[in-house]
Amino acid sequence: MRDNQQDGTVGKALDVLETVATLAPVRFSELLARGGYPKATLYRLLQTLTHQGMLAYDEDRGSYSLGLRLVRLAHGAWAQSSLAPLARRALDDLAALTGETVHLAQMDQGQVLYVDKRNAARPVEMFSQAGKVGPTYCTGVGKAMLAFMPDATMAEALARQSFHRFTAQTLDSPALLAELAAIRARGYAYDNEEHEAGIICVAAPILARSGRMIGAVSVTSTTTRSSLRALEAHVGRLKLAAAEIAAEAESWRFPEHV
């Protein structure tokens, strides 16, 4: 946790809430051990969040988890700000046509937010799940979104990247810039085992008629049953799905997140 002085009590409460969401179920002692807030401050924040229904306290286990009020708020945010409700049919069709895992993602604070997913006919365990946040610079959906941002927005998003090397294929900053230029030229991105070993994908940006990037969609497989060349055969279907989602989104105004 970080001591969020700039945003006062509200910022601290949100910080605690985010930490509980990451670790839940989590005990008071574990939260205290992460530092950030004095014991009395942390206890007061947890009591307020629990009283307001944002957190739930399990007396038997002595642990905190997310509360039902937060779940209701999250569902409202998902329905109002997420592409997921508009993309259901396109994702279903793309998954059925390819037989592979399909992801829908948006950008949030410079990171990839997976907002929906369809599992392959033969599901494979991988990092991505709806609601999870992942790195932008080494995922197909992340690179597809970065490549189609305005230059200034892209630079801001790139400044937020850690450039941690997840695999031997993970690109560093200079290599990524060249890759983003190539993605813009061809209209879609690859993930060549850059985030997870053995996981590959092709991804396309979801672009409004104005050209504004509002998300990305991908078809994902493994190196044991496919290849990037084989996945490229799905690019036409992938772009059609992205265009369909964009058309559905035209009447909506989604928040712009870097």
Protein backbone atom coordinates (compact mmCIF):
# COMPACT_ATOMS: atom_id res chain seq x y z
CA MET A 1 0.00 0.00 0.00
CA ARG A 2 1.07 3.58 -0.55
CA ASP A 3 0.41 6.49 1.79
CA ASN A 4 -1.88 8.48 -0.48
CA GLN A 5 -1.65 11.89 1.20
CA GLN A 6 -2.55 13.92 -1.87
CA ASP A 7 -6.10 12.54 -2.05
CA GLY A 8 -6.71 12.50 1.69
CA THR A 9 -8.96 9.98 3.40
CA VAL A 10 -10.78 9.01 0.22
CA GLY A 11 -7.51 8.21 -1.53
CA LYS A 12 -6.33 6.12 1.42
CA ALA A 13 -9.62 4.22 1.55
CA LEU A 14 -9.44 3.45 -2.16
CA ASP A 15 -5.84 2.33 -1.75
CA VAL A 16 -6.85 -0.10 1.02
CA LEU A 17 -9.79 -1.30 -1.07
CA GLU A 18 -7.52 -2.03 -4.03
CA THR A 19 -5.07 -3.91 -1.80
CA VAL A 20 -7.83 -6.07 -0.34
CA ALA A 21 -9.11 -6.77 -3.87
CA THR A 22 -5.64 -7.99 -4.86
CA LEU A 23 -5.03 -10.17 -1.79
CA ALA A 24 -8.50 -11.23 -0.64
CA PRO A 25 -9.22 -12.95 1.62
CA VAL A 26 -6.65 -11.10 3.71
CA ARG A 27 -6.14 -10.59 7.45
CA PHE A 28 -5.53 -7.29 9.20
CA SER A 29 -2.00 -8.37 10.13
CA GLU A 30 -1.16 -9.01 6.47
CA LEU A 31 -2.43 -5.58 5.44
CA LEU A 32 -0.52 -3.94 8.27
CA ALA A 33 2.68 -5.78 7.31
CA ARG A 34 2.53 -4.24 3.83
CA GLY A 35 3.15 -0.85 5.46
CA GLY A 36 1.72 2.42 4.28
CA TYR A 37 -0.57 3.26 7.18
CA PRO A 38 -0.32 3.22 10.99
CA LYS A 39 -2.30 0.54 12.80
CA ALA A 40 -5.00 2.91 14.03
CA THR A 41 -5.44 4.50 10.58
CA LEU A 42 -5.68 1.16 8.83
CA TYR A 43 -8.19 -0.15 11.37
CA ARG A 44 -10.36 2.95 10.96
CA LEU A 45 -10.32 2.68 7.16
CA LEU A 46 -11.24 -1.00 7.25
CA GLN A 47 -14.07 -0.35 9.70
CA THR A 48 -15.51 2.41 7.50
CA LEU A 49 -15.25 0.34 4.30
CA THR A 50 -16.87 -2.64 6.02
CA HIS A 51 -19.66 -0.51 7.49
CA GLN A 52 -20.36 0.94 4.03
CA GLY A 53 -20.57 -2.53 2.48
CA MET A 54 -17.49 -2.05 0.32
CA LEU A 55 -15.69 -4.78 2.26
CA ALA A 56 -16.95 -7.89 4.02
CA TYR A 57 -15.40 -9.20 7.24
CA ASP A 58 -15.36 -12.94 7.99
CA GLU A 59 -15.35 -13.25 11.78
CA ASP A 60 -14.51 -16.97 11.71
CA ARG A 61 -11.42 -16.47 9.56
CA GLY A 62 -10.64 -12.94 10.69
CA SER A 63 -10.23 -11.86 7.08
CA TYR A 64 -11.47 -9.15 4.72
CA SER A 65 -12.81 -9.56 1.19
CA LEU A 66 -14.79 -7.43 -1.26
CA GLY A 67 -18.32 -6.50 -0.22
CA LEU A 68 -21.55 -6.87 -2.16
CA ARG A 69 -22.00 -3.12 -2.49
CA LEU A 70 -18.71 -2.94 -4.37
CA VAL A 71 -19.83 -5.85 -6.57
CA ARG A 72 -22.98 -3.91 -7.50
CA LEU A 73 -20.94 -0.82 -8.30
CA ALA A 74 -18.48 -2.87 -10.34
CA HIS A 75 -21.30 -4.44 -12.32
CA GLY A 76 -22.68 -0.97 -13.06
CA ALA A 77 -19.28 0.21 -14.24
CA TRP A 78 -18.90 -2.90 -16.38
CA ALA A 79 -22.28 -2.31 -18.01
CA GLN A 80 -21.80 1.44 -18.56
CA SER A 81 -18.11 1.80 -19.36
CA SER A 82 -17.08 -1.59 -20.71
CA LEU A 83 -17.29 -2.82 -24.28
CA ALA A 84 -18.20 -6.29 -23.01
CA PRO A 85 -22.02 -6.04 -23.13
CA LEU A 86 -21.85 -4.71 -26.70
CA ALA A 87 -19.32 -7.29 -27.86
CA ARG A 88 -21.02 -10.53 -26.76
CA ARG A 89 -22.22 -11.64 -30.19
CA ALA A 90 -18.99 -10.72 -31.97
CA LEU A 91 -16.90 -12.59 -29.37
CA ASP A 92 -19.18 -15.63 -29.47
CA ASP A 93 -19.00 -15.77 -33.26
CA LEU A 94 -15.22 -15.29 -33.34
CA ALA A 95 -14.65 -18.04 -30.75
CA ALA A 96 -16.97 -20.42 -32.62
CA LEU A 97 -15.29 -19.75 -35.98
CA THR A 98 -11.70 -20.08 -34.73
CA GLY A 99 -12.05 -22.64 -31.93
CA GLU A 100 -9.46 -20.61 -30.03
CA THR A 101 -9.46 -18.37 -26.95
CA VAL A 102 -10.79 -14.87 -27.62
CA HIS A 103 -10.01 -11.81 -25.49
CA LEU A 104 -11.60 -8.38 -25.31
CA ALA A 105 -9.54 -5.64 -23.65
CA GLN A 106 -9.49 -1.93 -22.93
CA MET A 107 -6.78 0.42 -21.68
CA ASP A 108 -6.78 1.52 -18.05
CA GLN A 109 -4.05 3.71 -16.58
CA GLY A 110 -1.56 2.51 -19.18
CA GLN A 111 -2.31 -1.16 -18.53
CA VAL A 112 -4.43 -3.78 -20.25
CA LEU A 113 -7.79 -4.46 -18.60
CA TYR A 114 -9.30 -7.72 -19.80
CA VAL A 115 -13.05 -7.10 -19.88
CA ASP A 116 -14.27 -10.35 -21.44
CA LYS A 117 -13.02 -13.72 -22.60
CA ARG A 118 -14.19 -16.80 -24.49
CA ASN A 119 -12.34 -20.04 -23.82
CA ALA A 120 -11.08 -22.27 -26.60
CA ALA A 121 -12.79 -25.53 -27.50
CA ARG A 122 -9.92 -27.10 -25.56
CA PRO A 123 -9.28 -24.55 -22.80
CA VAL A 124 -5.71 -23.67 -21.86
CA GLU A 125 -4.64 -22.19 -18.54
CA MET A 126 -3.20 -18.70 -19.00
CA PHE A 127 -2.82 -15.41 -17.13
CA SER A 128 -5.70 -13.52 -18.72
CA GLN A 129 -9.14 -13.51 -17.11
CA ALA A 130 -11.99 -10.99 -17.30
CA GLY A 131 -11.32 -8.33 -14.70
CA LYS A 132 -7.56 -8.90 -14.60
CA VAL A 133 -5.02 -6.21 -15.38
CA GLY A 134 -1.99 -7.11 -17.49
CA PRO A 135 1.04 -5.42 -19.05
CA THR A 136 0.57 -3.44 -22.24
CA TYR A 137 4.00 -3.64 -23.88
CA CYS A 138 4.17 -7.44 -24.17
CA THR A 139 0.61 -8.55 -24.93
CA GLY A 140 -1.09 -8.63 -28.31
CA VAL A 141 -4.10 -6.56 -27.23
CA GLY A 142 -1.82 -4.12 -25.41
CA LYS A 143 0.40 -3.52 -28.42
CA ALA A 144 -2.61 -3.24 -30.73
CA MET A 145 -4.01 -0.47 -28.53
CA LEU A 146 -0.69 1.32 -28.09
CA ALA A 147 -0.01 1.35 -31.83
CA PHE A 148 -3.22 3.18 -32.65
CA MET A 149 -3.05 5.85 -29.96
CA PRO A 150 -2.20 9.47 -30.81
CA ASP A 151 1.55 10.05 -30.37
CA ALA A 152 1.21 12.10 -27.18
CA THR A 153 -1.15 9.60 -25.56
CA MET A 154 1.08 6.73 -26.58
CA ALA A 155 4.11 8.43 -25.05
CA GLU A 156 2.21 8.88 -21.79
CA ALA A 157 1.20 5.22 -21.77
CA LEU A 158 4.74 4.06 -22.59
CA ALA A 159 6.09 6.11 -19.67
CA ARG A 160 3.96 3.94 -17.37
CA GLN A 161 5.45 0.64 -18.57
CA SER A 162 7.85 -1.35 -16.39
CA PHE A 163 9.48 -3.25 -19.28
CA HIS A 164 9.99 -6.25 -17.04
CA ARG A 165 11.36 -9.17 -19.05
CA PHE A 166 8.76 -11.95 -18.66
CA THR A 167 10.28 -14.27 -21.29
CA ALA A 168 13.24 -14.34 -23.64
CA GLN A 169 10.89 -12.85 -26.28
CA THR A 170 9.78 -9.78 -24.28
CA LEU A 171 10.60 -6.58 -26.16
CA ASP A 172 12.54 -3.72 -24.58
CA SER A 173 11.56 -0.09 -25.17
CA PRO A 174 13.51 0.58 -28.43
CA ALA A 175 12.38 -2.70 -30.01
CA LEU A 176 8.79 -2.01 -28.97
CA LEU A 177 8.74 1.36 -30.77
CA ALA A 178 9.78 -0.31 -34.02
CA GLU A 179 7.18 -3.03 -33.46
CA LEU A 180 4.40 -0.48 -32.90
CA ALA A 181 5.23 1.17 -36.22
CA ALA A 182 4.98 -2.22 -37.93
CA ILE A 183 1.63 -2.90 -36.23
CA ARG A 184 0.22 0.39 -37.49
CA ALA A 185 1.35 -0.49 -41.01
CA ARG A 186 -0.20 -3.98 -41.11
CA GLY A 187 -3.24 -3.24 -38.91
CA TYR A 188 -2.81 -5.98 -36.30
CA ALA A 189 -0.40 -7.15 -33.61
CA TYR A 190 1.29 -10.37 -32.50
CA ASP A 191 2.16 -11.74 -29.11
CA ASN A 192 5.04 -14.10 -29.85
CA GLU A 193 5.42 -15.64 -26.36
CA GLU A 194 6.29 -12.17 -25.03
CA HIS A 195 4.22 -12.33 -21.83
CA GLU A 196 3.88 -16.07 -21.22
CA ALA A 197 6.03 -18.85 -22.65
CA GLY A 198 4.02 -20.99 -25.03
CA ILE A 199 1.19 -18.46 -25.45
CA ILE A 200 0.77 -16.71 -28.82
CA CYS A 201 -1.90 -14.49 -30.34
CA VAL A 202 -2.96 -12.09 -33.05
CA ALA A 203 -4.82 -8.94 -31.98
CA ALA A 204 -6.64 -6.09 -33.71
CA PRO A 205 -7.55 -2.64 -32.41
CA ILE A 206 -11.18 -1.61 -32.07
CA LEU A 207 -11.40 1.80 -33.71
CA ALA A 208 -14.28 4.26 -33.76
CA ARG A 209 -15.20 5.88 -37.08
CA SER A 210 -13.12 8.88 -36.02
CA GLY A 211 -10.11 6.58 -35.70
CA ARG A 212 -10.09 6.78 -31.90
CA MET A 213 -8.86 3.59 -30.26
CA ILE A 214 -11.45 2.20 -27.84
CA GLY A 215 -10.16 -1.33 -27.24
CA ALA A 216 -8.73 -4.47 -28.80
CA VAL A 217 -9.72 -8.06 -29.50
CA SER A 218 -7.46 -11.08 -29.93
CA VAL A 219 -7.37 -14.73 -30.91
CA THR A 220 -5.00 -16.67 -28.65
CA SER A 221 -3.52 -20.15 -28.80
CA THR A 222 -0.46 -22.12 -27.72
CA THR A 223 2.72 -23.10 -29.51
CA THR A 224 1.89 -26.78 -28.94
CA ARG A 225 -1.19 -26.69 -31.14
CA SER A 226 -0.74 -23.66 -33.40
CA SER A 227 1.69 -21.07 -34.73
CA LEU A 228 1.64 -17.37 -35.52
CA ARG A 229 1.38 -18.23 -39.20
CA ALA A 230 -1.68 -20.39 -38.51
CA LEU A 231 -3.24 -17.69 -36.33
CA GLU A 232 -2.75 -15.17 -39.14
CA ALA A 233 -5.43 -17.09 -41.05
CA HIS A 234 -7.91 -15.68 -38.54
CA VAL A 235 -6.92 -12.02 -39.05
CA GLY A 236 -9.77 -11.37 -41.49
CA ARG A 237 -12.34 -12.70 -39.01
CA LEU A 238 -10.58 -10.82 -36.20
CA LYS A 239 -10.81 -7.49 -38.01
CA LEU A 240 -14.48 -8.10 -38.84
CA ALA A 241 -15.17 -8.76 -35.15
CA ALA A 242 -13.35 -5.55 -34.19
CA ALA A 243 -15.36 -3.58 -36.76
CA GLU A 244 -18.63 -5.09 -35.52
CA ILE A 245 -17.82 -4.16 -31.92
CA ALA A 246 -16.86 -0.63 -33.01
CA ALA A 247 -20.16 -0.26 -34.86
CA GLU A 248 -22.10 -1.37 -31.78
CA ALA A 249 -20.16 1.13 -29.69
CA GLU A 250 -20.80 4.15 -31.90
CA SER A 251 -23.86 5.23 -29.91
CA TRP A 252 -21.98 4.94 -26.61
CA ARG A 253 -19.42 7.27 -25.08
CA PHE A 254 -16.70 5.33 -23.30
CA PRO A 255 -14.26 6.98 -20.89
CA GLU A 256 -10.85 7.58 -22.42
CA HIS A 257 -8.17 6.00 -20.22
CA VAL A 258 -4.46 6.20 -20.91
